[in-house]
């Protein structure tokens, strides 16, 4: 069993904006959704709570580069790192009501919108990192990405911010029962 807990993250776009997003980025294929003015740059501002040199922030910057390249500059993603748009919880609220366009956030903060997401962060659910990605890249992973659409959010992709561990002072944790 894989004893580390991966901190799973999602990159979300507000559904209000997603309806005019001209490229379906989850699978890299074009979509029939149209931008308001396809000849003009359509900027999106994602919020991120990590500093600019953090791996997830670097990934957000890379995502922005890919979008600009694949849309030939029609869509610009301008990430705001280091909680410049607010902490994670407030950026989700802003995303939900349409105040900001995109968020890179942890799953734990999205369980108010879909409690089923907690299953993805349970300890010992994955054998290893490869198994976790097999789950996330499957139909089940797609189900969870799509599950928040009824709340006005659209999941674009999964991030993995690395493993987390339990630390104790009196005994090692080698199985779920050790947590009792």
N, C-alpha and C. Protein backbone atom coordinates (compact mmCIF):
# COMPACT_ATOMS: atom_id res chain seq x y z
N UNK A 1 0.83 -1.20 0.00
CA UNK A 1 0.00 0.00 0.00
C UNK A 1 0.87 1.25 0.00
N UNK A 2 0.39 2.24 -0.66
CA UNK A 2 1.08 3.52 -0.75
C UNK A 2 0.69 4.33 0.48
N UNK A 3 1.64 4.55 1.40
CA UNK A 3 1.30 5.18 2.68
C UNK A 3 1.28 6.70 2.62
N UNK A 4 1.93 7.29 1.64
CA UNK A 4 1.91 8.74 1.52
C UNK A 4 0.55 9.17 0.96
N UNK A 5 0.12 10.34 1.37
CA UNK A 5 -1.12 10.90 0.85
C UNK A 5 -0.74 11.97 -0.16
N UNK A 6 -1.16 11.79 -1.37
CA UNK A 6 -0.91 12.81 -2.38
C UNK A 6 -1.86 13.97 -2.19
N UNK A 7 -1.37 15.16 -2.28
CA UNK A 7 -2.21 16.34 -2.23
C UNK A 7 -2.68 16.61 -3.65
N UNK A 8 -3.90 16.22 -3.94
CA UNK A 8 -4.44 16.38 -5.28
C UNK A 8 -4.98 17.78 -5.46
N UNK A 9 -4.70 18.33 -6.60
CA UNK A 9 -5.12 19.68 -6.90
C UNK A 9 -5.87 19.70 -8.22
N UNK A 10 -6.74 20.65 -8.34
CA UNK A 10 -7.50 20.82 -9.58
C UNK A 10 -7.28 22.21 -10.12
N UNK A 11 -7.35 22.32 -11.41
CA UNK A 11 -7.33 23.63 -12.04
C UNK A 11 -8.73 23.84 -12.59
N UNK A 12 -9.40 24.86 -12.11
CA UNK A 12 -10.79 25.09 -12.45
C UNK A 12 -10.98 26.39 -13.17
N UNK A 13 -12.00 26.42 -13.95
CA UNK A 13 -12.43 27.64 -14.61
C UNK A 13 -13.89 27.84 -14.24
N UNK A 14 -14.29 29.07 -14.07
CA UNK A 14 -15.70 29.29 -13.76
C UNK A 14 -16.53 28.90 -14.96
N UNK A 15 -17.64 28.25 -14.74
CA UNK A 15 -18.48 27.76 -15.83
C UNK A 15 -19.01 28.93 -16.66
N UNK A 16 -19.20 30.07 -16.04
CA UNK A 16 -19.65 31.26 -16.76
C UNK A 16 -18.66 31.58 -17.88
N UNK A 17 -17.38 31.55 -17.59
CA UNK A 17 -16.35 31.81 -18.59
C UNK A 17 -16.19 30.62 -19.53
N UNK A 18 -16.34 29.41 -18.99
CA UNK A 18 -16.10 28.21 -19.78
C UNK A 18 -17.03 28.13 -20.98
N UNK A 19 -18.21 28.68 -20.88
CA UNK A 19 -19.14 28.61 -22.00
C UNK A 19 -18.64 29.37 -23.22
N UNK A 20 -17.68 30.29 -23.04
CA UNK A 20 -17.14 31.01 -24.18
C UNK A 20 -15.68 30.65 -24.44
N UNK A 21 -15.18 29.63 -23.78
CA UNK A 21 -13.78 29.22 -23.93
C UNK A 21 -13.64 28.47 -25.26
N UNK A 22 -12.86 28.96 -26.22
CA UNK A 22 -12.86 28.38 -27.55
C UNK A 22 -12.05 27.10 -27.72
N UNK A 23 -11.33 26.67 -26.71
CA UNK A 23 -10.55 25.45 -26.84
C UNK A 23 -10.85 24.58 -25.64
N UNK A 24 -11.17 23.32 -25.89
CA UNK A 24 -11.43 22.39 -24.80
C UNK A 24 -10.08 21.85 -24.37
N UNK A 25 -9.57 22.31 -23.24
CA UNK A 25 -8.20 22.02 -22.86
C UNK A 25 -8.02 20.70 -22.15
N UNK A 26 -9.10 20.07 -21.69
CA UNK A 26 -8.92 18.83 -20.95
C UNK A 26 -8.34 17.74 -21.84
N UNK A 27 -8.69 17.72 -23.12
CA UNK A 27 -8.11 16.69 -23.98
C UNK A 27 -7.30 17.28 -25.12
N UNK A 28 -7.15 18.60 -25.15
CA UNK A 28 -6.32 19.25 -26.15
C UNK A 28 -6.96 19.39 -27.52
N UNK A 29 -8.19 18.91 -27.68
CA UNK A 29 -8.85 19.01 -28.96
C UNK A 29 -9.67 20.28 -29.03
N UNK A 30 -9.95 20.72 -30.23
CA UNK A 30 -10.80 21.89 -30.42
C UNK A 30 -12.22 21.62 -29.99
N UNK A 31 -12.93 22.65 -29.69
CA UNK A 31 -14.31 22.55 -29.25
C UNK A 31 -15.18 23.39 -30.16
N UNK A 32 -16.48 23.17 -30.12
CA UNK A 32 -17.38 24.00 -30.91
C UNK A 32 -17.82 25.24 -30.14
N UNK A 33 -17.31 25.42 -28.92
CA UNK A 33 -17.62 26.64 -28.18
C UNK A 33 -16.88 27.81 -28.83
N UNK A 34 -17.51 28.95 -28.89
CA UNK A 34 -16.92 30.11 -29.56
C UNK A 34 -16.59 31.22 -28.57
N UNK A 35 -15.50 31.89 -28.81
CA UNK A 35 -15.14 33.07 -28.02
C UNK A 35 -16.04 34.22 -28.46
N UNK A 36 -16.19 35.21 -27.58
CA UNK A 36 -17.00 36.37 -27.91
C UNK A 36 -16.52 37.05 -29.17
N UNK A 37 -15.21 37.18 -29.33
CA UNK A 37 -14.62 37.77 -30.52
C UNK A 37 -13.35 36.98 -30.82
N UNK A 38 -13.42 35.96 -31.68
CA UNK A 38 -12.29 35.06 -31.89
C UNK A 38 -11.03 35.74 -32.40
N UNK A 39 -11.11 36.92 -32.97
CA UNK A 39 -9.93 37.58 -33.48
C UNK A 39 -9.18 38.38 -32.43
N UNK A 40 -9.72 38.47 -31.23
CA UNK A 40 -9.15 39.29 -30.17
C UNK A 40 -8.67 38.42 -29.02
N UNK A 41 -7.59 38.80 -28.36
CA UNK A 41 -7.12 38.05 -27.20
C UNK A 41 -8.18 38.07 -26.12
N UNK A 42 -8.39 36.93 -25.50
CA UNK A 42 -9.42 36.76 -24.49
C UNK A 42 -8.70 36.38 -23.19
N UNK A 43 -8.35 37.35 -22.33
CA UNK A 43 -7.52 37.03 -21.15
C UNK A 43 -8.32 36.37 -20.01
N UNK A 44 -7.66 35.45 -19.35
CA UNK A 44 -8.19 34.78 -18.16
C UNK A 44 -7.19 35.01 -17.03
N UNK A 45 -7.69 35.20 -15.82
CA UNK A 45 -6.83 35.47 -14.68
C UNK A 45 -7.00 34.37 -13.62
N UNK A 46 -6.12 33.37 -13.61
CA UNK A 46 -6.21 32.35 -12.56
C UNK A 46 -5.53 32.80 -11.26
N UNK A 47 -6.14 32.43 -10.14
CA UNK A 47 -5.55 32.68 -8.84
C UNK A 47 -4.81 31.45 -8.35
N UNK A 48 -3.70 31.67 -7.68
CA UNK A 48 -2.88 30.59 -7.14
C UNK A 48 -2.30 31.07 -5.81
N UNK A 49 -2.30 30.23 -4.80
CA UNK A 49 -1.84 30.67 -3.50
C UNK A 49 -0.34 30.51 -3.28
N UNK A 50 0.35 29.83 -4.17
CA UNK A 50 1.78 29.59 -3.99
C UNK A 50 2.62 30.70 -4.61
N UNK A 51 3.84 30.86 -4.11
CA UNK A 51 4.75 31.85 -4.68
C UNK A 51 5.12 31.43 -6.11
N UNK A 52 5.64 32.35 -6.87
CA UNK A 52 5.87 32.13 -8.31
C UNK A 52 6.87 31.01 -8.60
N UNK A 53 7.81 30.72 -7.67
CA UNK A 53 8.80 29.68 -7.94
C UNK A 53 8.38 28.30 -7.42
N UNK A 54 7.18 28.17 -6.92
CA UNK A 54 6.65 26.89 -6.44
C UNK A 54 6.32 26.01 -7.65
N UNK A 55 6.51 24.69 -7.56
CA UNK A 55 6.24 23.82 -8.71
C UNK A 55 4.82 23.96 -9.30
N UNK A 56 3.80 24.11 -8.47
CA UNK A 56 2.46 24.25 -9.04
C UNK A 56 2.28 25.59 -9.75
N UNK A 57 2.96 26.62 -9.28
CA UNK A 57 2.92 27.92 -9.96
C UNK A 57 3.65 27.85 -11.29
N UNK A 58 4.77 27.16 -11.30
CA UNK A 58 5.51 26.97 -12.55
C UNK A 58 4.63 26.21 -13.54
N UNK A 59 3.89 25.22 -13.05
CA UNK A 59 2.97 24.48 -13.92
C UNK A 59 1.86 25.40 -14.45
N UNK A 60 1.36 26.30 -13.62
CA UNK A 60 0.34 27.25 -14.08
C UNK A 60 0.91 28.16 -15.17
N UNK A 61 2.15 28.60 -15.01
CA UNK A 61 2.79 29.43 -16.02
C UNK A 61 2.96 28.66 -17.33
N UNK A 62 3.35 27.38 -17.21
CA UNK A 62 3.50 26.54 -18.40
C UNK A 62 2.15 26.35 -19.09
N UNK A 63 1.11 26.13 -18.31
CA UNK A 63 -0.24 26.01 -18.85
C UNK A 63 -0.59 27.27 -19.65
N UNK A 64 -0.27 28.43 -19.10
CA UNK A 64 -0.53 29.70 -19.78
C UNK A 64 0.21 29.76 -21.12
N UNK A 65 1.47 29.31 -21.13
CA UNK A 65 2.24 29.29 -22.38
C UNK A 65 1.60 28.36 -23.41
N UNK A 66 1.18 27.16 -22.96
CA UNK A 66 0.55 26.21 -23.88
C UNK A 66 -0.73 26.78 -24.48
N UNK A 67 -1.55 27.40 -23.66
CA UNK A 67 -2.80 27.97 -24.14
C UNK A 67 -2.52 29.06 -25.17
N UNK A 68 -1.58 29.94 -24.88
CA UNK A 68 -1.24 31.01 -25.83
C UNK A 68 -0.75 30.42 -27.16
N UNK A 69 0.10 29.40 -27.07
CA UNK A 69 0.63 28.78 -28.28
C UNK A 69 -0.47 28.07 -29.07
N UNK A 70 -1.25 27.26 -28.39
CA UNK A 70 -2.26 26.45 -29.08
C UNK A 70 -3.44 27.25 -29.61
N UNK A 71 -3.64 28.44 -29.08
CA UNK A 71 -4.72 29.29 -29.58
C UNK A 71 -4.17 30.43 -30.44
N UNK A 72 -2.87 30.35 -30.76
CA UNK A 72 -2.20 31.37 -31.55
C UNK A 72 -2.43 32.77 -30.97
N UNK A 73 -2.39 32.85 -29.63
CA UNK A 73 -2.50 34.12 -28.94
C UNK A 73 -3.91 34.63 -28.72
N UNK A 74 -4.92 33.90 -29.20
CA UNK A 74 -6.30 34.36 -29.02
C UNK A 74 -6.73 34.33 -27.56
N UNK A 75 -6.13 33.43 -26.79
CA UNK A 75 -6.45 33.34 -25.37
C UNK A 75 -5.17 33.56 -24.58
N UNK A 76 -5.22 34.45 -23.63
CA UNK A 76 -4.09 34.73 -22.76
C UNK A 76 -4.47 34.35 -21.33
N UNK A 77 -3.61 33.62 -20.68
CA UNK A 77 -3.77 33.26 -19.28
C UNK A 77 -2.72 34.06 -18.52
N UNK A 78 -3.15 34.85 -17.56
CA UNK A 78 -2.24 35.68 -16.78
C UNK A 78 -2.35 35.26 -15.31
N UNK A 79 -1.48 34.30 -14.87
CA UNK A 79 -1.58 33.80 -13.49
C UNK A 79 -1.22 34.86 -12.45
N UNK A 80 -1.95 34.82 -11.34
CA UNK A 80 -1.68 35.68 -10.19
C UNK A 80 -1.27 34.76 -9.04
N UNK A 81 0.03 34.72 -8.76
CA UNK A 81 0.58 33.85 -7.73
C UNK A 81 0.61 34.54 -6.37
N UNK A 82 1.05 33.78 -5.37
CA UNK A 82 1.30 34.28 -4.01
C UNK A 82 0.06 34.91 -3.38
N UNK A 83 -1.08 34.31 -3.63
CA UNK A 83 -2.36 34.76 -3.04
C UNK A 83 -2.71 36.20 -3.38
N UNK A 84 -2.24 36.71 -4.51
CA UNK A 84 -2.53 38.09 -4.88
C UNK A 84 -4.03 38.33 -5.10
N UNK A 85 -4.77 37.27 -5.43
CA UNK A 85 -6.22 37.40 -5.59
C UNK A 85 -6.98 36.89 -4.36
N UNK A 86 -6.24 36.50 -3.33
CA UNK A 86 -6.85 35.99 -2.10
C UNK A 86 -6.32 34.60 -1.79
N UNK A 87 -6.64 34.12 -0.58
CA UNK A 87 -6.22 32.77 -0.21
C UNK A 87 -7.06 31.76 -1.01
N UNK A 88 -6.69 30.48 -0.88
CA UNK A 88 -7.36 29.44 -1.67
C UNK A 88 -8.88 29.44 -1.48
N UNK A 89 -9.31 29.50 -0.24
CA UNK A 89 -10.75 29.45 0.03
C UNK A 89 -11.48 30.64 -0.60
N UNK A 90 -10.92 31.83 -0.48
CA UNK A 90 -11.61 32.99 -1.04
C UNK A 90 -11.56 32.99 -2.57
N UNK A 91 -10.50 32.43 -3.16
CA UNK A 91 -10.48 32.39 -4.63
C UNK A 91 -11.52 31.42 -5.17
N UNK A 92 -11.80 30.35 -4.43
CA UNK A 92 -12.86 29.44 -4.86
C UNK A 92 -14.21 30.15 -4.81
N UNK A 93 -14.44 30.90 -3.75
CA UNK A 93 -15.69 31.68 -3.66
C UNK A 93 -15.78 32.68 -4.80
N UNK A 94 -14.68 33.39 -5.06
CA UNK A 94 -14.67 34.35 -6.16
C UNK A 94 -14.91 33.66 -7.50
N UNK A 95 -14.32 32.50 -7.67
CA UNK A 95 -14.52 31.73 -8.89
C UNK A 95 -15.98 31.34 -9.04
N UNK A 96 -16.57 30.89 -7.94
CA UNK A 96 -17.95 30.42 -7.98
C UNK A 96 -18.92 31.52 -8.38
N UNK A 97 -18.71 32.74 -7.89
CA UNK A 97 -19.64 33.81 -8.26
C UNK A 97 -19.16 34.60 -9.47
N UNK A 98 -18.03 34.23 -10.07
CA UNK A 98 -17.58 34.86 -11.31
C UNK A 98 -16.65 36.04 -11.15
N UNK A 99 -16.13 36.27 -9.95
CA UNK A 99 -15.23 37.40 -9.72
C UNK A 99 -13.86 37.20 -10.34
N UNK A 100 -13.38 35.95 -10.38
CA UNK A 100 -12.14 35.63 -11.08
C UNK A 100 -12.43 34.46 -12.02
N UNK A 101 -11.52 34.23 -12.94
CA UNK A 101 -11.77 33.28 -14.02
C UNK A 101 -11.34 31.85 -13.74
N UNK A 102 -10.22 31.67 -13.08
CA UNK A 102 -9.65 30.35 -12.91
C UNK A 102 -8.97 30.26 -11.54
N UNK A 103 -8.84 29.01 -11.05
CA UNK A 103 -8.19 28.76 -9.77
C UNK A 103 -7.43 27.45 -9.86
N UNK A 104 -6.26 27.43 -9.25
CA UNK A 104 -5.54 26.19 -9.01
C UNK A 104 -5.70 25.95 -7.52
N UNK A 105 -6.38 24.87 -7.16
CA UNK A 105 -6.72 24.67 -5.75
C UNK A 105 -6.65 23.21 -5.36
N UNK A 106 -6.67 22.96 -4.06
CA UNK A 106 -6.69 21.59 -3.57
C UNK A 106 -8.12 21.07 -3.54
N UNK A 107 -8.24 19.78 -3.65
CA UNK A 107 -9.55 19.14 -3.63
C UNK A 107 -10.26 19.37 -2.30
N UNK A 108 -9.51 19.36 -1.22
CA UNK A 108 -10.11 19.47 0.10
C UNK A 108 -11.04 20.68 0.21
N UNK A 109 -10.71 21.76 -0.46
CA UNK A 109 -11.53 22.97 -0.38
C UNK A 109 -12.75 22.94 -1.29
N UNK A 110 -12.86 21.91 -2.12
CA UNK A 110 -14.00 21.81 -3.04
C UNK A 110 -15.07 20.85 -2.56
N UNK A 111 -14.87 20.24 -1.40
CA UNK A 111 -15.84 19.26 -0.93
C UNK A 111 -17.17 19.89 -0.54
N UNK A 112 -17.21 21.19 -0.31
CA UNK A 112 -18.50 21.85 -0.07
C UNK A 112 -19.38 21.77 -1.32
N UNK A 113 -18.75 21.71 -2.48
CA UNK A 113 -19.48 21.66 -3.74
C UNK A 113 -19.78 20.23 -4.17
N UNK A 114 -18.93 19.28 -3.77
CA UNK A 114 -19.16 17.86 -4.02
C UNK A 114 -18.40 17.04 -2.97
N UNK A 115 -19.11 16.57 -1.94
CA UNK A 115 -18.46 15.79 -0.88
C UNK A 115 -17.81 14.50 -1.37
N UNK A 116 -18.22 13.99 -2.53
CA UNK A 116 -17.62 12.76 -3.07
C UNK A 116 -16.12 12.92 -3.31
N UNK A 117 -15.66 14.14 -3.50
CA UNK A 117 -14.23 14.36 -3.79
C UNK A 117 -13.32 13.90 -2.66
N UNK A 118 -13.84 13.80 -1.44
CA UNK A 118 -13.00 13.38 -0.32
C UNK A 118 -12.41 11.99 -0.54
N UNK A 119 -13.08 11.15 -1.29
CA UNK A 119 -12.58 9.80 -1.52
C UNK A 119 -11.23 9.81 -2.22
N UNK A 120 -10.97 10.81 -3.03
CA UNK A 120 -9.71 10.86 -3.77
C UNK A 120 -8.50 11.16 -2.90
N UNK A 121 -8.72 11.68 -1.71
CA UNK A 121 -7.60 12.02 -0.83
C UNK A 121 -7.49 11.11 0.39
N UNK A 122 -8.22 10.03 0.39
CA UNK A 122 -8.16 9.12 1.54
C UNK A 122 -6.79 8.44 1.61
N UNK A 123 -6.29 8.23 2.82
CA UNK A 123 -5.01 7.53 2.93
C UNK A 123 -5.13 6.08 2.49
N UNK A 124 -4.06 5.56 1.92
CA UNK A 124 -3.95 4.16 1.51
C UNK A 124 -4.87 3.76 0.36
N UNK A 125 -5.47 4.71 -0.32
CA UNK A 125 -6.37 4.35 -1.41
C UNK A 125 -5.58 3.99 -2.68
N UNK A 126 -4.38 4.51 -2.82
CA UNK A 126 -3.55 4.24 -4.00
C UNK A 126 -2.36 3.37 -3.60
N UNK A 127 -2.00 2.43 -4.48
CA UNK A 127 -0.82 1.59 -4.22
C UNK A 127 0.46 2.40 -4.33
N UNK A 128 0.48 3.33 -5.30
CA UNK A 128 1.65 4.16 -5.55
C UNK A 128 1.23 5.32 -6.43
N UNK A 129 2.17 6.16 -6.79
CA UNK A 129 1.87 7.33 -7.60
C UNK A 129 1.31 6.95 -8.97
N UNK A 130 1.86 5.90 -9.57
CA UNK A 130 1.37 5.45 -10.88
C UNK A 130 -0.09 5.03 -10.78
N UNK A 131 -0.46 4.33 -9.73
CA UNK A 131 -1.85 3.92 -9.54
C UNK A 131 -2.76 5.14 -9.40
N UNK A 132 -2.31 6.14 -8.65
CA UNK A 132 -3.10 7.36 -8.49
C UNK A 132 -3.39 7.99 -9.86
N UNK A 133 -2.35 8.09 -10.71
CA UNK A 133 -2.55 8.69 -12.03
C UNK A 133 -3.42 7.83 -12.93
N UNK A 134 -3.36 6.51 -12.76
CA UNK A 134 -4.26 5.64 -13.53
C UNK A 134 -5.71 5.94 -13.18
N UNK A 135 -5.98 6.18 -11.91
CA UNK A 135 -7.33 6.53 -11.47
C UNK A 135 -7.74 7.89 -12.01
N UNK A 136 -6.88 8.88 -11.83
CA UNK A 136 -7.22 10.24 -12.25
C UNK A 136 -7.36 10.38 -13.76
N UNK A 137 -6.60 9.60 -14.52
CA UNK A 137 -6.67 9.65 -15.97
C UNK A 137 -7.72 8.71 -16.56
N UNK A 138 -8.55 8.14 -15.72
CA UNK A 138 -9.58 7.20 -16.17
C UNK A 138 -10.95 7.89 -16.26
N UNK A 139 -11.95 7.11 -16.61
CA UNK A 139 -13.32 7.62 -16.64
C UNK A 139 -13.74 8.10 -15.26
N UNK A 140 -13.25 7.45 -14.21
CA UNK A 140 -13.57 7.88 -12.85
C UNK A 140 -13.00 9.28 -12.58
N UNK A 141 -11.77 9.51 -13.00
CA UNK A 141 -11.18 10.84 -12.86
C UNK A 141 -11.97 11.88 -13.64
N UNK A 142 -12.40 11.52 -14.86
CA UNK A 142 -13.24 12.43 -15.65
C UNK A 142 -14.56 12.72 -14.94
N UNK A 143 -15.13 11.69 -14.32
CA UNK A 143 -16.38 11.88 -13.58
C UNK A 143 -16.20 12.95 -12.50
N UNK A 144 -15.10 12.85 -11.75
CA UNK A 144 -14.87 13.82 -10.68
C UNK A 144 -14.59 15.23 -11.23
N UNK A 145 -13.87 15.31 -12.35
CA UNK A 145 -13.66 16.62 -12.96
C UNK A 145 -14.98 17.26 -13.37
N UNK A 146 -15.88 16.44 -13.91
CA UNK A 146 -17.17 16.95 -14.40
C UNK A 146 -18.20 17.13 -13.29
N UNK A 147 -17.93 16.56 -12.12
CA UNK A 147 -18.94 16.53 -11.06
C UNK A 147 -19.30 17.91 -10.50
N UNK A 148 -18.44 18.87 -10.69
CA UNK A 148 -18.73 20.20 -10.13
C UNK A 148 -19.43 21.13 -11.10
N UNK A 149 -19.70 20.66 -12.32
CA UNK A 149 -20.37 21.51 -13.30
C UNK A 149 -21.73 21.98 -12.81
N UNK A 150 -22.42 21.14 -12.07
CA UNK A 150 -23.74 21.56 -11.55
C UNK A 150 -23.61 22.67 -10.50
N UNK A 151 -22.39 22.89 -10.01
CA UNK A 151 -22.13 23.99 -9.07
C UNK A 151 -21.58 25.22 -9.79
N UNK A 152 -21.49 25.15 -11.12
CA UNK A 152 -21.01 26.28 -11.89
C UNK A 152 -19.50 26.31 -12.09
N UNK A 153 -18.83 25.19 -11.88
CA UNK A 153 -17.38 25.10 -12.05
C UNK A 153 -17.07 24.02 -13.07
N UNK A 154 -15.93 24.16 -13.74
CA UNK A 154 -15.51 23.12 -14.68
C UNK A 154 -14.06 22.78 -14.42
N UNK A 155 -13.82 21.52 -14.13
CA UNK A 155 -12.45 21.05 -13.90
C UNK A 155 -11.72 20.91 -15.21
N UNK A 156 -10.50 21.39 -15.27
CA UNK A 156 -9.71 21.29 -16.50
C UNK A 156 -8.68 20.18 -16.43
N UNK A 157 -8.00 20.03 -15.30
CA UNK A 157 -6.96 19.03 -15.22
C UNK A 157 -6.60 18.77 -13.76
N UNK A 158 -5.82 17.72 -13.57
CA UNK A 158 -5.33 17.34 -12.25
C UNK A 158 -3.88 17.78 -12.09
N UNK A 159 -3.52 18.15 -10.90
CA UNK A 159 -2.13 18.41 -10.52
C UNK A 159 -1.83 17.50 -9.34
N UNK A 160 -0.59 17.18 -9.14
CA UNK A 160 -0.15 16.46 -7.95
C UNK A 160 0.91 17.32 -7.28
N UNK A 161 0.64 17.76 -6.08
CA UNK A 161 1.58 18.62 -5.38
C UNK A 161 2.53 17.83 -4.48
N UNK A 162 2.61 16.55 -4.70
CA UNK A 162 3.55 15.74 -3.94
C UNK A 162 2.89 15.01 -2.78
N UNK A 163 3.63 14.10 -2.22
CA UNK A 163 3.13 13.26 -1.15
C UNK A 163 3.17 13.97 0.20
N UNK A 164 2.26 13.59 1.05
CA UNK A 164 2.23 14.07 2.43
C UNK A 164 2.35 12.85 3.34
N UNK A 165 2.86 13.05 4.52
CA UNK A 165 3.09 11.94 5.44
C UNK A 165 2.48 12.24 6.79
N UNK A 166 2.28 11.17 7.56
CA UNK A 166 1.88 11.31 8.96
C UNK A 166 3.14 11.20 9.81
N UNK A 167 3.25 12.04 10.80
CA UNK A 167 4.36 11.98 11.73
C UNK A 167 3.80 11.74 13.13
N UNK A 168 4.40 10.82 13.85
CA UNK A 168 3.94 10.52 15.21
C UNK A 168 5.14 10.51 16.15
N UNK A 169 4.82 10.57 17.44
CA UNK A 169 5.89 10.54 18.44
C UNK A 169 5.98 9.20 19.14
N UNK A 170 4.91 8.36 19.03
CA UNK A 170 4.91 7.14 19.81
C UNK A 170 4.91 5.84 19.02
N UNK A 171 4.50 5.85 17.72
CA UNK A 171 4.48 4.60 16.96
C UNK A 171 4.47 4.91 15.46
N UNK A 172 5.03 3.98 14.67
CA UNK A 172 4.97 4.18 13.22
C UNK A 172 3.56 3.89 12.69
N UNK A 173 3.24 4.49 11.58
CA UNK A 173 1.95 4.24 10.94
C UNK A 173 2.24 3.43 9.67
N UNK A 174 1.77 2.18 9.68
CA UNK A 174 2.01 1.31 8.54
C UNK A 174 0.73 0.80 7.91
N UNK A 175 -0.41 1.03 8.57
CA UNK A 175 -1.72 0.61 8.06
C UNK A 175 -2.79 1.54 8.63
N UNK A 176 -3.96 1.59 8.03
CA UNK A 176 -5.00 2.52 8.47
C UNK A 176 -5.35 2.37 9.96
N UNK A 177 -5.33 1.16 10.49
CA UNK A 177 -5.69 0.95 11.89
C UNK A 177 -4.74 1.66 12.85
N UNK A 178 -3.52 1.94 12.41
CA UNK A 178 -2.56 2.63 13.26
C UNK A 178 -2.95 4.09 13.54
N UNK A 179 -3.89 4.60 12.79
CA UNK A 179 -4.35 5.98 12.98
C UNK A 179 -5.37 6.10 14.12
N UNK A 180 -5.87 4.98 14.60
CA UNK A 180 -6.89 5.00 15.66
C UNK A 180 -6.30 5.34 17.00
